């Protein structure tokens, strides 16, 4: 196994600028191959190091989000099903802020495209969606690249503790305000 890894590392080092290009394209096609984001970012950290692995993962994840933006409009039935699933997870009355969305992107149990669909539904244009998607790609790329090995190698108790920490962080970052509809506040009494 060690010999295979060394040969793979040598091959990647000799491929020059093609290696980052193939790695970024791996991010784009990973959802078709059912490869988790965590695994691809881990590979990027192992092959390119933390800095370049994170940089290439940010580019790849941003491209995935932009491709998803166009694909979701090509398949309206798929969008409707995904939207129903997303609305079960995030209620219509809940408005998530950028920090909460970043935490959701880091959570391994939350699907990458559920967050992307939420961002599509809460932004007005492709440009606004792209900016937000690039910002939201930064935390998982850096964390999975740098700490992915640690998360993957933790015992079950450590993984559960980390997941609970992310859930608490998610709820701790929400905006603390309540919106009451006009009709609900001034209900007619019979």
N, C-alpha and C. Protein backbone atom coordinates (compact mmCIF):
# COMPACT_ATOMS: atom_id res chain seq x y z
N UNK A 1 0.83 -1.19 0.00
CA UNK A 1 0.00 0.00 0.00
C UNK A 1 0.88 1.26 0.00
N UNK A 2 1.92 1.24 0.84
CA UNK A 2 2.80 2.40 0.92
C UNK A 2 3.47 2.66 -0.42
N UNK A 3 3.87 1.57 -1.11
CA UNK A 3 4.51 1.72 -2.42
C UNK A 3 3.54 2.33 -3.43
N UNK A 4 2.27 1.92 -3.38
CA UNK A 4 1.26 2.47 -4.28
C UNK A 4 1.08 3.97 -4.03
N UNK A 5 1.02 4.37 -2.76
CA UNK A 5 0.87 5.78 -2.42
C UNK A 5 2.07 6.61 -2.89
N UNK A 6 3.26 6.04 -2.73
CA UNK A 6 4.46 6.75 -3.17
C UNK A 6 4.48 6.92 -4.69
N UNK A 7 4.09 5.86 -5.42
CA UNK A 7 4.04 5.96 -6.88
C UNK A 7 2.98 6.97 -7.33
N UNK A 8 1.84 6.96 -6.64
CA UNK A 8 0.78 7.92 -6.97
C UNK A 8 1.25 9.35 -6.72
N UNK A 9 1.92 9.56 -5.60
CA UNK A 9 2.45 10.88 -5.27
C UNK A 9 3.45 11.33 -6.33
N UNK A 10 4.34 10.44 -6.74
CA UNK A 10 5.33 10.76 -7.77
C UNK A 10 4.65 11.11 -9.09
N UNK A 11 3.64 10.34 -9.47
CA UNK A 11 2.91 10.60 -10.71
C UNK A 11 2.25 11.97 -10.68
N UNK A 12 1.65 12.32 -9.57
CA UNK A 12 0.98 13.61 -9.44
C UNK A 12 1.99 14.74 -9.50
N UNK A 13 3.13 14.57 -8.84
CA UNK A 13 4.16 15.61 -8.87
C UNK A 13 4.69 15.82 -10.28
N UNK A 14 4.76 14.77 -11.07
CA UNK A 14 5.28 14.87 -12.43
C UNK A 14 4.25 15.40 -13.43
N UNK A 15 2.98 15.41 -13.06
CA UNK A 15 1.94 15.83 -14.00
C UNK A 15 1.81 17.35 -14.11
N UNK A 16 2.46 18.11 -13.26
CA UNK A 16 2.48 19.56 -13.37
C UNK A 16 1.11 20.19 -13.16
N UNK A 17 0.72 21.07 -14.07
CA UNK A 17 -0.53 21.83 -13.93
C UNK A 17 -1.76 20.98 -14.18
N UNK A 18 -1.60 19.78 -14.73
CA UNK A 18 -2.76 18.93 -14.97
C UNK A 18 -3.35 18.36 -13.67
N UNK A 19 -2.50 18.13 -12.67
CA UNK A 19 -2.98 17.56 -11.41
C UNK A 19 -4.02 18.46 -10.74
N UNK A 20 -3.75 19.77 -10.58
CA UNK A 20 -4.80 20.62 -9.99
C UNK A 20 -6.06 20.68 -10.85
N UNK A 21 -5.89 20.69 -12.16
CA UNK A 21 -7.05 20.72 -13.05
C UNK A 21 -7.90 19.46 -12.88
N UNK A 22 -7.26 18.29 -12.85
CA UNK A 22 -8.00 17.05 -12.65
C UNK A 22 -8.65 17.00 -11.27
N UNK A 23 -7.97 17.53 -10.27
CA UNK A 23 -8.54 17.55 -8.92
C UNK A 23 -9.78 18.44 -8.87
N UNK A 24 -9.72 19.60 -9.50
CA UNK A 24 -10.88 20.49 -9.53
C UNK A 24 -12.03 19.83 -10.29
N UNK A 25 -11.70 19.14 -11.39
CA UNK A 25 -12.75 18.45 -12.15
C UNK A 25 -13.32 17.27 -11.35
N UNK A 26 -12.50 16.66 -10.49
CA UNK A 26 -13.01 15.60 -9.61
C UNK A 26 -14.10 16.16 -8.70
N UNK A 27 -13.92 17.38 -8.23
CA UNK A 27 -14.96 18.02 -7.42
C UNK A 27 -16.25 18.16 -8.22
N UNK A 28 -16.13 18.52 -9.47
CA UNK A 28 -17.32 18.76 -10.30
C UNK A 28 -18.06 17.45 -10.58
N UNK A 29 -17.34 16.36 -10.82
CA UNK A 29 -18.01 15.10 -11.16
C UNK A 29 -18.23 14.19 -9.95
N UNK A 30 -17.80 14.61 -8.78
CA UNK A 30 -17.89 13.74 -7.61
C UNK A 30 -19.33 13.37 -7.25
N UNK A 31 -20.30 14.27 -7.45
CA UNK A 31 -21.68 13.94 -7.08
C UNK A 31 -22.26 12.88 -7.98
N UNK A 32 -21.80 12.80 -9.22
CA UNK A 32 -22.26 11.75 -10.13
C UNK A 32 -21.68 10.40 -9.68
N UNK A 33 -20.47 10.44 -9.14
CA UNK A 33 -19.79 9.23 -8.68
C UNK A 33 -20.12 8.90 -7.22
N UNK A 34 -20.95 9.73 -6.57
CA UNK A 34 -21.35 9.56 -5.18
C UNK A 34 -20.15 9.53 -4.22
N UNK A 35 -19.21 10.42 -4.47
CA UNK A 35 -18.05 10.55 -3.60
C UNK A 35 -18.32 11.74 -2.67
N UNK A 36 -18.20 11.55 -1.35
CA UNK A 36 -18.46 12.66 -0.43
C UNK A 36 -17.43 13.78 -0.55
N UNK A 37 -17.87 15.00 -0.25
CA UNK A 37 -17.01 16.17 -0.26
C UNK A 37 -15.82 15.96 0.67
N UNK A 38 -16.10 15.39 1.83
CA UNK A 38 -15.06 15.15 2.83
C UNK A 38 -13.91 14.35 2.24
N UNK A 39 -14.20 13.30 1.53
CA UNK A 39 -13.16 12.44 0.98
C UNK A 39 -12.32 13.16 -0.07
N UNK A 40 -12.98 13.92 -0.94
CA UNK A 40 -12.24 14.65 -1.99
C UNK A 40 -11.32 15.70 -1.36
N UNK A 41 -11.81 16.42 -0.35
CA UNK A 41 -10.98 17.42 0.32
C UNK A 41 -9.81 16.77 1.06
N UNK A 42 -10.06 15.61 1.66
CA UNK A 42 -8.98 14.88 2.33
C UNK A 42 -7.88 14.52 1.33
N UNK A 43 -8.28 14.05 0.17
CA UNK A 43 -7.30 13.70 -0.87
C UNK A 43 -6.53 14.94 -1.30
N UNK A 44 -7.24 16.07 -1.42
CA UNK A 44 -6.57 17.32 -1.79
C UNK A 44 -5.54 17.74 -0.77
N UNK A 45 -5.86 17.57 0.52
CA UNK A 45 -4.90 17.90 1.57
C UNK A 45 -3.69 16.98 1.56
N UNK A 46 -3.93 15.72 1.26
CA UNK A 46 -2.83 14.75 1.23
C UNK A 46 -1.90 15.00 0.04
N UNK A 47 -2.50 15.29 -1.12
CA UNK A 47 -1.71 15.43 -2.34
C UNK A 47 -1.06 16.80 -2.46
N UNK A 48 -1.84 17.86 -2.21
CA UNK A 48 -1.36 19.22 -2.47
C UNK A 48 -0.96 19.99 -1.22
N UNK A 49 -1.21 19.45 -0.05
CA UNK A 49 -0.95 20.19 1.17
C UNK A 49 -2.16 21.00 1.57
N UNK A 50 -2.09 21.59 2.74
CA UNK A 50 -3.26 22.30 3.27
C UNK A 50 -3.60 23.53 2.44
N UNK A 51 -2.62 24.36 2.12
CA UNK A 51 -2.91 25.61 1.42
C UNK A 51 -3.46 25.36 0.02
N UNK A 52 -2.70 24.64 -0.81
CA UNK A 52 -3.14 24.43 -2.19
C UNK A 52 -4.34 23.47 -2.25
N UNK A 53 -4.38 22.49 -1.37
CA UNK A 53 -5.54 21.60 -1.33
C UNK A 53 -6.81 22.37 -1.01
N UNK A 54 -6.72 23.29 -0.05
CA UNK A 54 -7.88 24.13 0.29
C UNK A 54 -8.26 25.05 -0.87
N UNK A 55 -7.25 25.65 -1.48
CA UNK A 55 -7.50 26.56 -2.60
C UNK A 55 -8.19 25.83 -3.75
N UNK A 56 -7.67 24.67 -4.13
CA UNK A 56 -8.27 23.91 -5.23
C UNK A 56 -9.66 23.40 -4.84
N UNK A 57 -9.86 23.06 -3.58
CA UNK A 57 -11.18 22.61 -3.14
C UNK A 57 -12.18 23.76 -3.15
N UNK A 58 -11.76 24.96 -2.79
CA UNK A 58 -12.66 26.12 -2.85
C UNK A 58 -13.08 26.36 -4.29
N UNK A 59 -12.14 26.29 -5.21
CA UNK A 59 -12.46 26.48 -6.62
C UNK A 59 -13.41 25.38 -7.09
N UNK A 60 -13.10 24.13 -6.74
CA UNK A 60 -13.93 23.01 -7.16
C UNK A 60 -15.33 23.07 -6.58
N UNK A 61 -15.45 23.36 -5.29
CA UNK A 61 -16.77 23.44 -4.66
C UNK A 61 -17.58 24.62 -5.20
N UNK A 62 -16.91 25.72 -5.51
CA UNK A 62 -17.60 26.86 -6.11
C UNK A 62 -18.13 26.51 -7.50
N UNK A 63 -17.31 25.81 -8.28
CA UNK A 63 -17.76 25.37 -9.60
C UNK A 63 -18.94 24.41 -9.51
N UNK A 64 -18.89 23.50 -8.53
CA UNK A 64 -20.01 22.58 -8.32
C UNK A 64 -21.29 23.35 -8.04
N UNK A 65 -21.20 24.36 -7.21
CA UNK A 65 -22.38 25.17 -6.87
C UNK A 65 -22.92 25.89 -8.09
N UNK A 66 -22.03 26.41 -8.91
CA UNK A 66 -22.48 27.13 -10.11
C UNK A 66 -23.08 26.19 -11.14
N UNK A 67 -22.53 25.01 -11.30
CA UNK A 67 -23.12 24.01 -12.19
C UNK A 67 -24.48 23.60 -11.67
N UNK A 68 -24.60 23.42 -10.35
CA UNK A 68 -25.88 23.05 -9.74
C UNK A 68 -26.94 24.11 -10.01
N UNK A 69 -26.56 25.37 -10.00
CA UNK A 69 -27.51 26.47 -10.25
C UNK A 69 -28.20 26.28 -11.60
N UNK A 70 -27.43 25.92 -12.60
CA UNK A 70 -28.02 25.75 -13.94
C UNK A 70 -28.73 24.41 -14.09
N UNK A 71 -28.21 23.37 -13.48
CA UNK A 71 -28.83 22.05 -13.60
C UNK A 71 -30.19 22.02 -12.92
N UNK A 72 -30.32 22.69 -11.80
CA UNK A 72 -31.57 22.65 -11.05
C UNK A 72 -32.72 23.28 -11.86
N UNK A 73 -32.39 24.23 -12.73
CA UNK A 73 -33.42 24.83 -13.58
C UNK A 73 -33.74 23.97 -14.79
N UNK A 74 -32.82 23.09 -15.17
CA UNK A 74 -33.07 22.18 -16.30
C UNK A 74 -34.02 21.05 -15.93
N UNK A 75 -34.05 20.69 -14.65
CA UNK A 75 -34.87 19.58 -14.17
C UNK A 75 -35.84 20.07 -13.10
N UNK A 76 -36.98 20.66 -13.50
CA UNK A 76 -37.89 21.24 -12.51
C UNK A 76 -38.51 20.20 -11.55
N UNK A 77 -38.72 18.99 -12.03
CA UNK A 77 -39.29 17.96 -11.15
C UNK A 77 -38.29 17.60 -10.04
N UNK A 78 -37.03 17.50 -10.40
CA UNK A 78 -35.98 17.23 -9.41
C UNK A 78 -35.89 18.39 -8.41
N UNK A 79 -36.01 19.61 -8.92
CA UNK A 79 -35.95 20.78 -8.04
C UNK A 79 -37.11 20.75 -7.05
N UNK A 80 -38.29 20.37 -7.53
CA UNK A 80 -39.46 20.33 -6.65
C UNK A 80 -39.26 19.31 -5.53
N UNK A 81 -38.73 18.12 -5.86
CA UNK A 81 -38.49 17.10 -4.85
C UNK A 81 -37.43 17.55 -3.86
N UNK A 82 -36.35 18.10 -4.36
CA UNK A 82 -35.28 18.57 -3.50
C UNK A 82 -35.76 19.73 -2.64
N UNK A 83 -36.61 20.57 -3.20
CA UNK A 83 -37.15 21.71 -2.46
C UNK A 83 -38.04 21.23 -1.30
N UNK A 84 -38.84 20.20 -1.54
CA UNK A 84 -39.67 19.65 -0.46
C UNK A 84 -38.79 19.11 0.67
N UNK A 85 -37.74 18.41 0.31
CA UNK A 85 -36.81 17.89 1.31
C UNK A 85 -36.14 19.02 2.07
N UNK A 86 -35.74 20.04 1.35
CA UNK A 86 -35.08 21.19 1.97
C UNK A 86 -36.04 21.93 2.91
N UNK A 87 -37.32 22.04 2.54
CA UNK A 87 -38.30 22.74 3.39
C UNK A 87 -38.64 21.92 4.64
N UNK A 88 -38.48 20.60 4.58
CA UNK A 88 -38.65 19.80 5.80
C UNK A 88 -37.51 20.07 6.77
N UNK A 89 -36.33 20.26 6.22
CA UNK A 89 -35.16 20.48 7.04
C UNK A 89 -35.12 21.91 7.58
N UNK A 90 -35.39 22.88 6.71
CA UNK A 90 -35.39 24.29 7.09
C UNK A 90 -36.80 24.82 6.86
N UNK A 91 -37.48 25.14 7.92
CA UNK A 91 -38.87 25.62 7.84
C UNK A 91 -38.94 26.95 7.09
N UNK A 92 -40.10 27.23 6.48
CA UNK A 92 -40.27 28.44 5.69
C UNK A 92 -40.12 29.72 6.53
N UNK A 93 -40.43 29.63 7.80
CA UNK A 93 -40.34 30.83 8.64
C UNK A 93 -38.92 31.10 9.13
N UNK A 94 -38.04 30.13 8.96
CA UNK A 94 -36.66 30.27 9.42
C UNK A 94 -35.82 30.96 8.36
N UNK A 95 -35.09 31.98 8.75
CA UNK A 95 -34.15 32.66 7.86
C UNK A 95 -32.76 32.39 8.39
N UNK A 96 -31.98 31.66 7.63
CA UNK A 96 -30.63 31.31 8.06
C UNK A 96 -29.66 32.41 7.64
N UNK A 97 -28.74 32.75 8.53
CA UNK A 97 -27.73 33.74 8.18
C UNK A 97 -26.51 33.04 7.59
N UNK A 98 -25.56 33.81 7.14
CA UNK A 98 -24.37 33.28 6.48
C UNK A 98 -23.57 32.35 7.39
N UNK A 99 -23.43 32.72 8.66
CA UNK A 99 -22.68 31.88 9.60
C UNK A 99 -23.34 30.52 9.78
N UNK A 100 -24.65 30.49 9.87
CA UNK A 100 -25.36 29.22 10.01
C UNK A 100 -25.19 28.36 8.76
N UNK A 101 -25.25 28.98 7.60
CA UNK A 101 -25.05 28.24 6.36
C UNK A 101 -23.64 27.67 6.27
N UNK A 102 -22.66 28.42 6.77
CA UNK A 102 -21.28 27.92 6.79
C UNK A 102 -21.17 26.68 7.67
N UNK A 103 -21.81 26.72 8.83
CA UNK A 103 -21.79 25.57 9.73
C UNK A 103 -22.49 24.38 9.08
N UNK A 104 -23.60 24.63 8.39
CA UNK A 104 -24.30 23.55 7.71
C UNK A 104 -23.43 22.91 6.64
N UNK A 105 -22.64 23.72 5.94
CA UNK A 105 -21.76 23.17 4.91
C UNK A 105 -20.68 22.28 5.51
N UNK A 106 -20.29 22.55 6.75
CA UNK A 106 -19.26 21.76 7.39
C UNK A 106 -19.83 20.45 7.96
N UNK A 107 -21.13 20.43 8.27
CA UNK A 107 -21.75 19.23 8.83
C UNK A 107 -21.77 18.11 7.79
N UNK A 108 -21.17 16.98 8.09
CA UNK A 108 -21.13 15.89 7.11
C UNK A 108 -22.50 15.30 6.80
N UNK A 109 -23.46 15.43 7.71
CA UNK A 109 -24.77 14.82 7.49
C UNK A 109 -25.72 15.69 6.68
N UNK A 110 -25.39 16.94 6.46
CA UNK A 110 -26.23 17.83 5.66
C UNK A 110 -25.73 17.80 4.23
N UNK A 111 -26.62 17.47 3.31
CA UNK A 111 -26.21 17.35 1.91
C UNK A 111 -25.80 18.71 1.35
N UNK A 112 -24.74 18.70 0.58
CA UNK A 112 -24.15 19.91 0.00
C UNK A 112 -25.19 20.71 -0.79
N UNK A 113 -26.01 20.02 -1.59
CA UNK A 113 -26.94 20.71 -2.47
C UNK A 113 -28.20 21.20 -1.79
N UNK A 114 -28.50 20.70 -0.59
CA UNK A 114 -29.62 21.28 0.16
C UNK A 114 -29.30 22.72 0.55
N UNK A 115 -28.07 22.94 0.95
CA UNK A 115 -27.65 24.30 1.28
C UNK A 115 -27.63 25.15 0.01
N UNK A 116 -27.15 24.58 -1.10
CA UNK A 116 -27.12 25.32 -2.37
C UNK A 116 -28.53 25.72 -2.80
N UNK A 117 -29.49 24.80 -2.64
CA UNK A 117 -30.87 25.13 -3.02
C UNK A 117 -31.43 26.24 -2.13
N UNK A 118 -31.12 26.21 -0.84
CA UNK A 118 -31.56 27.28 0.05
C UNK A 118 -30.98 28.61 -0.40
N UNK A 119 -29.72 28.61 -0.79
CA UNK A 119 -29.07 29.85 -1.25
C UNK A 119 -29.72 30.32 -2.56
N UNK A 120 -30.06 29.40 -3.46
CA UNK A 120 -30.75 29.78 -4.70
C UNK A 120 -32.07 30.45 -4.37
N UNK A 121 -32.82 29.88 -3.42
CA UNK A 121 -34.14 30.40 -3.09
C UNK A 121 -34.08 31.73 -2.33
N UNK A 122 -32.95 32.04 -1.74
CA UNK A 122 -32.86 33.28 -0.95
C UNK A 122 -32.05 34.37 -1.63
N UNK A 123 -31.53 34.11 -2.82
CA UNK A 123 -30.81 35.14 -3.56
C UNK A 123 -31.60 35.53 -4.79
N UNK A 124 -31.29 36.70 -5.32
CA UNK A 124 -32.08 37.24 -6.43
C UNK A 124 -31.45 37.02 -7.80
N UNK A 125 -30.15 36.75 -7.85
CA UNK A 125 -29.48 36.63 -9.15
C UNK A 125 -28.36 35.60 -9.07
N UNK A 126 -27.88 35.20 -10.24
CA UNK A 126 -26.76 34.26 -10.30
C UNK A 126 -25.52 34.87 -9.69
N UNK A 127 -25.32 36.14 -9.91
CA UNK A 127 -24.14 36.82 -9.36
C UNK A 127 -24.14 36.80 -7.84
N UNK A 128 -25.29 37.11 -7.24
CA UNK A 128 -25.41 37.10 -5.79
C UNK A 128 -25.24 35.67 -5.26
N UNK A 129 -25.83 34.70 -5.96
CA UNK A 129 -25.69 33.29 -5.58
C UNK A 129 -24.22 32.86 -5.66
N UNK A 130 -23.53 33.26 -6.71
CA UNK A 130 -22.12 32.87 -6.89
C UNK A 130 -21.25 33.41 -5.77
N UNK A 131 -21.44 34.67 -5.42
CA UNK A 131 -20.65 35.26 -4.33
C UNK A 131 -20.86 34.51 -3.02
N UNK A 132 -22.14 34.25 -2.72
CA UNK A 132 -22.45 33.55 -1.48
C UNK A 132 -21.92 32.12 -1.51
N UNK A 133 -21.98 31.46 -2.66
CA UNK A 133 -21.49 30.09 -2.78
C UNK A 133 -19.98 30.00 -2.60
N UNK A 134 -19.26 30.98 -3.11
CA UNK A 134 -17.82 30.99 -2.94
C UNK A 134 -17.47 31.15 -1.45
N UNK A 135 -18.17 32.06 -0.78
CA UNK A 135 -17.93 32.26 0.65
C UNK A 135 -18.28 30.99 1.43
N UNK A 136 -19.38 30.32 1.05
CA UNK A 136 -19.79 29.11 1.75
C UNK A 136 -18.90 27.91 1.44
N UNK A 137 -18.10 27.99 0.40
CA UNK A 137 -17.19 26.89 0.05
C UNK A 137 -15.90 26.93 0.87
N UNK A 138 -15.61 28.07 1.46
CA UNK A 138 -14.35 28.22 2.19
C UNK A 138 -14.27 27.34 3.44
N UNK A 139 -15.27 27.37 4.34
CA UNK A 139 -15.13 26.56 5.57
C UNK A 139 -14.96 25.06 5.33
N UNK A 140 -15.82 24.41 4.51
CA UNK A 140 -15.59 22.97 4.36
C UNK A 140 -14.27 22.64 3.68
N UNK A 141 -13.85 23.47 2.74
CA UNK A 141 -12.59 23.20 2.05
C UNK A 141 -11.42 23.25 3.02
N UNK A 142 -11.38 24.28 3.84
CA UNK A 142 -10.26 24.41 4.79
C UNK A 142 -10.35 23.38 5.90
N UNK A 143 -11.52 23.23 6.49
CA UNK A 143 -11.65 22.31 7.63
C UNK A 143 -11.45 20.87 7.19
N UNK A 144 -12.09 20.45 6.11
CA UNK A 144 -11.94 19.06 5.67
C UNK A 144 -10.52 18.78 5.20
N UNK A 145 -9.90 19.75 4.57
CA UNK A 145 -8.53 19.54 4.11
C UNK A 145 -7.57 19.45 5.30
N UNK A 146 -7.72 20.35 6.25
CA UNK A 146 -6.79 20.40 7.38
C UNK A 146 -7.12 19.36 8.46
N UNK A 147 -8.39 19.24 8.80
CA UNK A 147 -8.77 18.39 9.92
C UNK A 147 -9.56 17.15 9.52
N UNK A 148 -9.72 16.93 8.25
CA UNK A 148 -10.49 15.79 7.78
C UNK A 148 -9.94 14.47 8.27
N UNK A 149 -8.65 14.33 8.25
CA UNK A 149 -8.04 13.10 8.76
C UNK A 149 -8.35 12.88 10.22
N UNK A 150 -8.31 13.97 10.99
CA UNK A 150 -8.60 13.86 12.41
C UNK A 150 -10.07 13.47 12.63
N UNK A 151 -10.98 14.07 11.89
CA UNK A 151 -12.40 13.76 12.03
C UNK A 151 -12.66 12.31 11.65
N UNK A 152 -12.02 11.88 10.58
CA UNK A 152 -12.24 10.52 10.08
C UNK A 152 -11.65 9.46 11.02
N UNK A 153 -10.58 9.79 11.72
CA UNK A 153 -9.92 8.83 12.58
C UNK A 153 -10.39 8.88 14.02
N UNK A 154 -11.29 9.81 14.34
CA UNK A 154 -11.79 9.89 15.71
C UNK A 154 -12.59 8.64 16.05
N UNK A 155 -12.57 8.24 17.33
CA UNK A 155 -13.46 7.15 17.73
C UNK A 155 -14.91 7.64 17.67
N UNK A 156 -15.84 6.73 17.79
CA UNK A 156 -17.26 7.07 17.68
C UNK A 156 -17.65 8.18 18.64
N UNK A 157 -17.16 8.14 19.88
CA UNK A 157 -17.49 9.18 20.85
C UNK A 157 -17.00 10.55 20.39
N UNK A 158 -15.81 10.61 19.83
CA UNK A 158 -15.27 11.88 19.33
C UNK A 158 -16.08 12.42 18.16
N UNK A 159 -16.51 11.54 17.28
CA UNK A 159 -17.34 11.95 16.14
C UNK A 159 -18.68 12.48 16.62
N UNK A 160 -19.30 11.80 17.58
CA UNK A 160 -20.59 12.25 18.12
C UNK A 160 -20.41 13.60 18.82
N UNK A 161 -19.34 13.75 19.59
CA UNK A 161 -19.07 15.02 20.27
C UNK A 161 -18.89 16.15 19.26
N UNK A 162 -18.15 15.90 18.18
CA UNK A 162 -17.92 16.91 17.15
C UNK A 162 -19.23 17.29 16.47
N UNK A 163 -20.08 16.30 16.16
CA UNK A 163 -21.37 16.57 15.54
C UNK A 163 -22.26 17.40 16.47
N UNK A 164 -22.28 17.06 17.76
CA UNK A 164 -23.06 17.85 18.73
C UNK A 164 -22.54 19.27 18.83
N UNK A 165 -21.22 19.43 18.80
CA UNK A 165 -20.63 20.76 18.82
C UNK A 165 -21.10 21.58 17.62
N UNK A 166 -21.13 20.98 16.43
CA UNK A 166 -21.60 21.69 15.24
C UNK A 166 -23.08 22.05 15.34
N UNK A 167 -23.89 21.15 15.89
CA UNK A 167 -25.33 21.46 16.06
C UNK A 167 -25.50 22.62 17.03
N UNK A 168 -24.80 22.60 18.15
CA UNK A 168 -24.88 23.71 19.11
C UNK A 168 -24.39 25.02 18.50
N UNK A 169 -23.32 24.94 17.73
CA UNK A 169 -22.81 26.12 17.04
C UNK A 169 -23.83 26.66 16.06
N UNK A 170 -24.50 25.76 15.33
CA UNK A 170 -25.53 26.14 14.37
C UNK A 170 -26.65 26.92 15.05
N UNK A 171 -27.18 26.40 16.16
CA UNK A 171 -28.27 27.08 16.85
C UNK A 171 -27.80 28.31 17.61
N UNK A 172 -26.57 28.32 18.04
CA UNK A 172 -26.03 29.48 18.75
C UNK A 172 -25.80 30.68 17.85
N UNK A 173 -25.62 30.45 16.55
CA UNK A 173 -25.34 31.55 15.62
C UNK A 173 -26.59 32.17 14.99
N UNK A 174 -27.75 31.62 15.29
CA UNK A 174 -28.96 32.14 14.64
C UNK A 174 -29.33 33.52 15.18
N UNK A 175 -30.09 34.22 14.37
CA UNK A 175 -30.58 35.53 14.79
C UNK A 175 -31.71 35.33 15.77
N UNK A 176 -31.70 36.09 16.80
CA UNK A 176 -32.69 35.93 17.86
C UNK A 176 -33.79 36.98 17.71
N UNK A 177 -34.66 36.76 16.73
CA UNK A 177 -35.80 37.66 16.57
C UNK A 177 -36.98 36.86 16.05
N UNK A 178 -38.14 37.37 16.32
CA UNK A 178 -39.37 36.70 15.92
C UNK A 178 -40.14 37.63 14.99
N UNK A 179 -40.63 37.08 13.91
CA UNK A 179 -41.44 37.85 12.97
C UNK A 179 -42.88 37.37 13.10
N UNK A 180 -43.76 38.31 13.33
CA UNK A 180 -45.17 37.98 13.45
C UNK A 180 -45.89 38.61 12.27
N UNK A 181 -46.65 37.81 11.56
CA UNK A 181 -47.41 38.32 10.42
C UNK A 181 -48.50 39.28 10.92
N UNK A 182 -48.81 40.26 10.10
CA UNK A 182 -49.80 41.27 10.47
C UNK A 182 -51.15 40.64 10.79
N UNK A 183 -51.58 39.70 9.94
CA UNK A 183 -52.88 39.06 10.14
C UNK A 183 -52.89 38.20 11.41
N UNK A 184 -51.78 37.59 11.73
CA UNK A 184 -51.70 36.75 12.94
C UNK A 184 -51.75 37.61 14.20
N UNK A 185 -51.17 38.82 14.15
CA UNK A 185 -51.14 39.68 15.32
C UNK A 185 -52.50 40.32 15.57
N UNK A 186 -53.16 40.74 14.48
CA UNK A 186 -54.44 41.39 14.60
C UNK A 186 -55.54 40.45 14.12
N UNK A 187 -55.69 39.31 14.77
CA UNK A 187 -56.71 38.36 14.39
C UNK A 187 -58.09 38.89 14.78
N UNK A 188 -59.06 38.60 13.90
CA UNK A 188 -60.44 38.99 14.20
C UNK A 188 -61.02 38.04 15.21
N UNK A 189 -61.67 38.59 16.21
CA UNK A 189 -62.32 37.75 17.22
C UNK A 189 -63.79 37.63 16.87
N UNK A 190 -64.25 36.40 16.89
CA UNK A 190 -65.67 36.15 16.54
C UNK A 190 -66.57 36.24 17.72
